[in-house]
C-alpha atoms as a PDB file:
ATOM      1  CA  MET A   1     -15.564 -80.506 -16.646  1.00  0.00           C
ATOM      2  CA  LYS A   2     -13.678 -77.746 -18.250  1.00  0.00           C
ATOM      3  CA  ILE A   3     -15.767 -76.660 -21.511  1.00  0.00           C
ATOM      4  CA  GLY A   4     -13.906 -74.716 -24.539  1.00  0.00           C
ATOM      5  CA  ILE A   5     -16.099 -72.966 -26.334  1.00  0.00           C
ATOM      6  CA  LEU A   6     -14.521 -71.590 -30.075  1.00  0.00           C
ATOM      7  CA  GLY A   7     -16.736 -68.653 -30.714  1.00  0.00           C
ATOM      8  CA  THR A   8     -17.592 -65.511 -28.711  1.00  0.00           C
ATOM      9  CA  GLY A   9     -21.239 -64.986 -30.464  1.00  0.00           C
ATOM     10  CA  VAL A  10     -24.622 -64.865 -28.994  1.00  0.00           C
ATOM     11  CA  VAL A  11     -24.594 -68.806 -29.651  1.00  0.00           C
ATOM     12  CA  GLY A  12     -20.861 -69.326 -27.845  1.00  0.00           C
ATOM     13  CA  LYS A  13     -22.037 -66.907 -24.944  1.00  0.00           C
ATOM     14  CA  ALA A  14     -25.395 -68.436 -24.071  1.00  0.00           C
ATOM     15  CA  LEU A  15     -23.930 -71.826 -23.757  1.00  0.00           C
ATOM     16  CA  GLY A  16     -21.158 -70.498 -22.439  1.00  0.00           C
ATOM     17  CA  LYS A  17     -23.640 -69.342 -19.351  1.00  0.00           C
ATOM     18  CA  GLY A  18     -25.407 -72.292 -19.942  1.00  0.00           C
ATOM     19  CA  PHE A  19     -22.391 -74.483 -18.915  1.00  0.00           C
ATOM     20  CA  VAL A  20     -21.295 -72.466 -15.883  1.00  0.00           C
ATOM     21  CA  ALA A  21     -25.068 -72.569 -14.700  1.00  0.00           C
ATOM     22  CA  ALA A  22     -24.558 -76.455 -15.058  1.00  0.00           C
ATOM     23  CA  GLY A  23     -21.663 -76.289 -12.633  1.00  0.00           C
ATOM     24  CA  HIS A  24     -18.688 -76.629 -15.463  1.00  0.00           C
ATOM     25  CA  ASP A  25     -15.720 -74.478 -15.948  1.00  0.00           C
ATOM     26  CA  VAL A  26     -15.876 -72.668 -19.025  1.00  0.00           C
ATOM     27  CA  MET A  27     -13.411 -70.439 -21.293  1.00  0.00           C
ATOM     28  CA  VAL A  28     -15.459 -69.081 -24.368  1.00  0.00           C
ATOM     29  CA  ALA A  29     -12.672 -68.262 -26.801  1.00  0.00           C
ATOM     30  CA  GLY A  30     -12.208 -65.866 -29.605  1.00  0.00           C
ATOM     31  CA  ARG A  31     -10.096 -66.688 -32.426  1.00  0.00           C
ATOM     32  CA  ASP A  32      -6.700 -65.468 -30.454  1.00  0.00           C
ATOM     33  CA  ALA A  33      -7.488 -67.481 -27.993  1.00  0.00           C
ATOM     34  CA  PHE A  34      -9.218 -70.817 -29.964  1.00  0.00           C
ATOM     35  CA  ALA A  35      -5.915 -73.036 -29.055  1.00  0.00           C
ATOM     36  CA  GLU A  36      -5.545 -71.996 -25.453  1.00  0.00           C
ATOM     37  CA  ALA A  37      -9.234 -73.255 -24.765  1.00  0.00           C
ATOM     38  CA  ALA A  38      -9.095 -76.281 -26.895  1.00  0.00           C
ATOM     39  CA  GLY A  39      -5.978 -77.356 -25.329  1.00  0.00           C
ATOM     40  CA  TRP A  40      -7.448 -76.729 -21.823  1.00  0.00           C
ATOM     41  CA  ALA A  41     -10.947 -78.415 -22.461  1.00  0.00           C
ATOM     42  CA  ASP A  42     -11.736 -81.878 -21.862  1.00  0.00           C
ATOM     43  CA  LEU A  43     -14.944 -81.042 -23.784  1.00  0.00           C
ATOM     44  CA  VAL A  44     -15.222 -78.358 -26.890  1.00  0.00           C
ATOM     45  CA  VAL A  45     -17.965 -76.795 -28.145  1.00  0.00           C
ATOM     46  CA  LEU A  46     -18.023 -75.273 -32.095  1.00  0.00           C
ATOM     47  CA  ALA A  47     -20.059 -71.963 -32.264  1.00  0.00           C
ATOM     48  CA  THR A  48     -18.521 -70.202 -35.039  1.00  0.00           C
ATOM     49  CA  SER A  49     -20.117 -68.802 -37.783  1.00  0.00           C
ATOM     50  CA  TRP A  50     -19.774 -71.430 -40.839  1.00  0.00           C
ATOM     51  CA  ALA A  51     -17.520 -68.869 -43.268  1.00  0.00           C
ATOM     52  CA  GLY A  52     -15.439 -69.191 -40.505  1.00  0.00           C
ATOM     53  CA  THR A  53     -15.435 -72.936 -39.308  1.00  0.00           C
ATOM     54  CA  GLU A  54     -12.368 -74.282 -41.719  1.00  0.00           C
ATOM     55  CA  SER A  55     -10.182 -71.828 -40.681  1.00  0.00           C
ATOM     56  CA  ALA A  56     -11.267 -71.605 -36.803  1.00  0.00           C
ATOM     57  CA  LEU A  57      -9.975 -75.054 -37.073  1.00  0.00           C
ATOM     58  CA  ARG A  58      -6.427 -74.754 -38.333  1.00  0.00           C
ATOM     59  CA  MET A  59      -6.206 -71.825 -35.504  1.00  0.00           C
ATOM     60  CA  THR A  60      -7.217 -74.312 -32.912  1.00  0.00           C
ATOM     61  CA  GLY A  61      -4.772 -76.883 -34.354  1.00  0.00           C
ATOM     62  CA  VAL A  62      -6.915 -80.092 -34.711  1.00  0.00           C
ATOM     63  CA  GLU A  63      -4.340 -82.580 -32.802  1.00  0.00           C
ATOM     64  CA  ARG A  64      -5.672 -80.498 -29.672  1.00  0.00           C
ATOM     65  CA  LEU A  65      -8.770 -81.750 -30.134  1.00  0.00           C
ATOM     66  CA  ALA A  66      -7.976 -85.668 -30.935  1.00  0.00           C
ATOM     67  CA  GLY A  67      -9.777 -88.028 -28.651  1.00  0.00           C
ATOM     68  CA  LYS A  68     -11.963 -85.149 -27.175  1.00  0.00           C
ATOM     69  CA  THR A  69     -15.936 -85.191 -27.595  1.00  0.00           C
ATOM     70  CA  LEU A  70     -16.500 -82.141 -30.095  1.00  0.00           C
ATOM     71  CA  ILE A  71     -20.085 -80.561 -30.250  1.00  0.00           C
ATOM     72  CA  ASP A  72     -20.805 -79.234 -33.624  1.00  0.00           C
ATOM     73  CA  VAL A  73     -23.070 -76.110 -32.870  1.00  0.00           C
ATOM     74  CA  VAL A  74     -22.847 -75.039 -36.668  1.00  0.00           C
ATOM     75  CA  ASN A  75     -24.958 -74.603 -39.316  1.00  0.00           C
ATOM     76  CA  PRO A  76     -23.730 -73.848 -43.023  1.00  0.00           C
ATOM     77  CA  LEU A  77     -26.318 -71.113 -43.833  1.00  0.00           C
ATOM     78  CA  VAL A  78     -26.611 -69.208 -46.716  1.00  0.00           C
ATOM     79  CA  TYR A  79     -27.073 -64.990 -46.238  1.00  0.00           C
ATOM     80  CA  VAL A  80     -28.272 -62.460 -48.486  1.00  0.00           C
ATOM     81  CA  ASP A  81     -28.687 -58.883 -46.950  1.00  0.00           C
ATOM     82  CA  GLY A  82     -28.090 -60.132 -43.686  1.00  0.00           C
ATOM     83  CA  ARG A  83     -30.676 -62.690 -43.369  1.00  0.00           C
ATOM     84  CA  PRO A  84     -30.387 -66.638 -43.407  1.00  0.00           C
ATOM     85  CA  VAL A  85     -31.853 -67.601 -46.799  1.00  0.00           C
ATOM     86  CA  GLY A  86     -30.618 -71.587 -47.185  1.00  0.00           C
ATOM     87  CA  LEU A  87     -27.820 -74.371 -46.957  1.00  0.00           C
ATOM     88  CA  VAL A  88     -24.587 -74.530 -48.854  1.00  0.00           C
ATOM     89  CA  LEU A  89     -24.377 -78.084 -48.025  1.00  0.00           C
ATOM     90  CA  GLY A  90     -26.883 -80.681 -48.599  1.00  0.00           C
ATOM     91  CA  HIS A  91     -28.295 -84.173 -49.641  1.00  0.00           C
ATOM     92  CA  ASP A  92     -24.782 -85.691 -50.224  1.00  0.00           C
ATOM     93  CA  ASP A  93     -22.679 -83.948 -47.759  1.00  0.00           C
ATOM     94  CA  SER A  94     -23.112 -81.810 -44.214  1.00  0.00           C
ATOM     95  CA  ALA A  95     -21.259 -79.403 -42.131  1.00  0.00           C
ATOM     96  CA  GLY A  96     -21.328 -82.135 -39.523  1.00  0.00           C
ATOM     97  CA  GLU A  97     -19.319 -84.072 -41.743  1.00  0.00           C
ATOM     98  CA  MET A  98     -16.863 -81.496 -42.984  1.00  0.00           C
ATOM     99  CA  VAL A  99     -16.255 -80.563 -39.530  1.00  0.00           C
ATOM    100  CA  GLN A 100     -15.191 -84.293 -38.746  1.00  0.00           C
ATOM    101  CA  ARG A 101     -12.976 -84.342 -41.800  1.00  0.00           C
ATOM    102  CA  TRP A 102     -11.312 -81.139 -40.564  1.00  0.00           C
ATOM    103  CA  ALA A 103     -10.791 -82.941 -37.361  1.00  0.00           C
ATOM    104  CA  PRO A 104     -10.309 -86.514 -37.801  1.00  0.00           C
ATOM    105  CA  ASP A 105      -9.347 -87.259 -34.675  1.00  0.00           C
ATOM    106  CA  ALA A 106     -12.127 -85.269 -32.352  1.00  0.00           C
ATOM    107  CA  HIS A 107     -15.207 -87.338 -31.765  1.00  0.00           C
ATOM    108  CA  VAL A 108     -17.489 -84.598 -33.423  1.00  0.00           C
ATOM    109  CA  VAL A 109     -21.404 -84.817 -32.216  1.00  0.00           C
ATOM    110  CA  LYS A 110     -23.980 -82.231 -33.881  1.00  0.00           C
ATOM    111  CA  ALA A 111     -26.026 -81.296 -31.774  1.00  0.00           C
ATOM    112  CA  PHE A 112     -28.085 -77.786 -30.542  1.00  0.00           C
ATOM    113  CA  ASN A 113     -27.822 -76.802 -33.852  1.00  0.00           C
ATOM    114  CA  THR A 114     -32.024 -76.550 -34.604  1.00  0.00           C
ATOM    115  CA  VAL A 115     -32.911 -73.997 -32.185  1.00  0.00           C
ATOM    116  CA  GLY A 116     -31.936 -69.944 -31.095  1.00  0.00           C
ATOM    117  CA  ALA A 117     -29.226 -69.363 -28.307  1.00  0.00           C
ATOM    118  CA  ALA A 118     -32.354 -68.148 -26.057  1.00  0.00           C
ATOM    119  CA  LEU A 119     -33.821 -71.544 -25.632  1.00  0.00           C
ATOM    120  CA  MET A 120     -30.337 -73.779 -25.641  1.00  0.00           C
ATOM    121  CA  PHE A 121     -30.007 -73.868 -22.000  1.00  0.00           C
ATOM    122  CA  ARG A 122     -33.424 -75.041 -19.925  1.00  0.00           C
ATOM    123  CA  PRO A 123     -36.184 -73.819 -22.401  1.00  0.00           C
ATOM    124  CA  GLN A 124     -39.485 -73.392 -20.524  1.00  0.00           C
ATOM    125  CA  PHE A 125     -42.782 -73.614 -22.627  1.00  0.00           C
ATOM    126  CA  PRO A 126     -46.382 -72.672 -21.285  1.00  0.00           C
ATOM    127  CA  SER A 127     -47.693 -76.551 -22.151  1.00  0.00           C
ATOM    128  CA  GLY A 128     -44.692 -77.704 -19.600  1.00  0.00           C
ATOM    129  CA  ILE A 129     -43.618 -80.105 -22.309  1.00  0.00           C
ATOM    130  CA  ARG A 130     -39.751 -81.002 -22.594  1.00  0.00           C
ATOM    131  CA  PRO A 131     -38.810 -80.444 -25.964  1.00  0.00           C
ATOM    132  CA  ASP A 132     -36.790 -82.934 -27.955  1.00  0.00           C
ATOM    133  CA  MET A 133     -32.985 -81.741 -29.205  1.00  0.00           C
ATOM    134  CA  PHE A 134     -31.901 -84.171 -31.833  1.00  0.00           C
ATOM    135  CA  TYR A 135     -27.957 -85.063 -32.027  1.00  0.00           C
ATOM    136  CA  CYS A 136     -26.168 -87.524 -34.266  1.00  0.00           C
ATOM    137  CA  GLY A 137     -22.697 -88.587 -34.225  1.00  0.00           C
ATOM    138  CA  ASN A 138     -19.912 -91.661 -34.833  1.00  0.00           C
ATOM    139  CA  ASP A 139     -18.491 -92.272 -31.285  1.00  0.00           C
ATOM    140  CA  ALA A 140     -21.074 -93.949 -28.813  1.00  0.00           C
ATOM    141  CA  PRO A 141     -19.234 -92.549 -25.538  1.00  0.00           C
ATOM    142  CA  ALA A 142     -18.723 -88.958 -26.743  1.00  0.00           C
ATOM    143  CA  LYS A 143     -23.043 -89.263 -28.260  1.00  0.00           C
ATOM    144  CA  ALA A 144     -23.654 -90.879 -24.303  1.00  0.00           C
ATOM    145  CA  LEU A 145     -21.716 -87.726 -22.826  1.00  0.00           C
ATOM    146  CA  VAL A 146     -23.821 -85.422 -25.154  1.00  0.00           C
ATOM    147  CA  ALA A 147     -27.083 -86.787 -24.609  1.00  0.00           C
ATOM    148  CA  GLU A 148     -26.411 -86.447 -20.744  1.00  0.00           C
ATOM    149  CA  ILE A 149     -25.462 -82.480 -21.488  1.00  0.00           C
ATOM    150  CA  LEU A 150     -28.452 -82.093 -23.613  1.00  0.00           C
ATOM    151  CA  ALA A 151     -30.686 -83.797 -20.296  1.00  0.00           C
ATOM    152  CA  ASP A 152     -28.956 -81.571 -18.242  1.00  0.00           C
ATOM    153  CA  PHE A 153     -30.262 -78.655 -20.448  1.00  0.00           C
ATOM    154  CA  GLY A 154     -33.395 -79.109 -20.365  1.00  0.00           C
ATOM    155  CA  TRP A 155     -33.711 -80.873 -23.540  1.00  0.00           C
ATOM    156  CA  THR A 156     -35.019 -84.589 -24.120  1.00  0.00           C
ATOM    157  CA  PRO A 157     -32.248 -86.006 -26.146  1.00  0.00           C
ATOM    158  CA  VAL A 158     -32.712 -88.248 -29.436  1.00  0.00           C
ATOM    159  CA  ASP A 159     -30.621 -89.810 -31.010  1.00  0.00           C
ATOM    160  CA  ALA A 160     -30.918 -89.295 -34.791  1.00  0.00           C
ATOM    161  CA  GLY A 161     -27.848 -91.909 -35.755  1.00  0.00           C
ATOM    162  CA  ASP A 162     -24.462 -91.342 -36.915  1.00  0.00           C
ATOM    163  CA  LEU A 163     -22.571 -87.979 -38.389  1.00  0.00           C
ATOM    164  CA  ARG A 164     -24.459 -88.562 -42.044  1.00  0.00           C
ATOM    165  CA  ALA A 165     -27.422 -87.363 -40.109  1.00  0.00           C
ATOM    166  CA  SER A 166     -26.369 -83.930 -40.168  1.00  0.00           C
ATOM    167  CA  ARG A 167     -27.596 -83.767 -43.248  1.00  0.00           C
ATOM    168  CA  LEU A 168     -31.354 -84.122 -42.302  1.00  0.00           C
ATOM    169  CA  LEU A 169     -30.330 -81.770 -38.701  1.00  0.00           C
ATOM    170  CA  GLU A 170     -28.921 -78.148 -40.628  1.00  0.00           C
ATOM    171  CA  PRO A 171     -31.691 -78.514 -42.727  1.00  0.00           C
ATOM    172  CA  LEU A 172     -34.217 -78.492 -39.834  1.00  0.00           C
ATOM    173  CA  ALA A 173     -32.428 -75.589 -38.483  1.00  0.00           C
ATOM    174  CA  MET A 174     -33.597 -73.727 -41.737  1.00  0.00           C
ATOM    175  CA  LEU A 175     -36.657 -74.951 -41.159  1.00  0.00           C
ATOM    176  CA  TRP A 176     -36.547 -73.648 -37.582  1.00  0.00           C
ATOM    177  CA  ILE A 177     -35.323 -70.101 -39.039  1.00  0.00           C
ATOM    178  CA  THR A 178     -38.174 -69.974 -41.939  1.00  0.00           C
ATOM    179  CA  LEU A 179     -41.111 -70.560 -39.443  1.00  0.00           C
ATOM    180  CA  GLY A 180     -40.037 -67.632 -37.370  1.00  0.00           C
ATOM    181  CA  ALA A 181     -39.549 -65.429 -40.253  1.00  0.00           C
ATOM    182  CA  ARG A 182     -43.462 -66.048 -41.612  1.00  0.00           C
ATOM    183  CA  GLY A 183     -44.441 -64.890 -38.144  1.00  0.00           C
ATOM    184  CA  TYR A 184     -44.450 -68.352 -35.728  1.00  0.00           C
ATOM    185  CA  GLY A 185     -41.817 -66.792 -33.625  1.00  0.00           C
ATOM    186  CA  TRP A 186     -38.655 -67.558 -32.132  1.00  0.00           C
ATOM    187  CA  ASN A 187     -39.831 -69.091 -28.957  1.00  0.00           C
ATOM    188  CA  ASN A 188     -40.447 -72.539 -30.768  1.00  0.00           C
ATOM    189  CA  ALA A 189     -38.870 -75.655 -30.289  1.00  0.00           C
ATOM    190  CA  PHE A 190     -39.117 -79.311 -31.796  1.00  0.00           C
ATOM    191  CA  THR A 191     -40.992 -82.444 -29.802  1.00  0.00           C
ATOM    192  CA  LEU A 192     -41.671 -85.818 -31.439  1.00  0.00           C
ATOM    193  CA  LEU A 193     -44.560 -87.172 -30.052  1.00  0.00           C
ATOM    194  CA  ARG A 194     -44.624 -90.587 -29.529  1.00  0.00           C
ATOM    195  CA  GLY A 195     -47.565 -92.795 -30.181  1.00  0.00           C
ATOM    196  CA  PRO A 196     -48.356 -96.746 -29.104  1.00  0.00           C
ATOM    197  CA  ALA A 197     -45.766 -99.004 -30.490  1.00  0.00           C
ATOM    198  CA  SER A 198     -46.433 -99.867 -34.208  1.00  0.00           C
ATOM    199  CA  GLU A 199     -44.988-101.842 -36.859  1.00  0.00           C
ATOM    200  CA  PRO A 200     -42.938-100.025 -39.132  1.00  0.00           C
ATOM    201  CA  ALA A 201     -44.581 -98.400 -42.191  1.00  0.00           C
END
């Protein structure tokens, strides 16, 4: 596929390298090339800072995203003294849902937002456990495509539901950041352990 990545920060670059390694054509675009990348791409990755996300989509021209899968990697973080300390949104809204409202004809899928850039492509852990990546979205074919990408990137895809589940996945990213800051390190990922089948609690 042709992959357009909106954002040239560490996340955009890490995902760009991953897509190239997986055999895709990639354009990692800064603000002056967002529109070009979105128009060229079959699939678009939104890897901007939260503060610049709405303006980035305006600069892109949301009509260029119509009908395309848009992987939203953005977390709506609040920074104090350069450090993330919380979320701008929560409970009744999310960055994922806002991105969908800003780009109403795109097929937004939230993914890759709960780990750091260094782990996004084929992470390796001493235990050999394949970590899980939660994702969510409203369009079934777009979610299936993203699940294939996640699997190719070394993750076990876990479907968290429709895009409202971004309200859960974005705080999970904040938990990952908090644990890292508390000394657990940054080489961590989440795994959902599954026991024998049982009746719902």
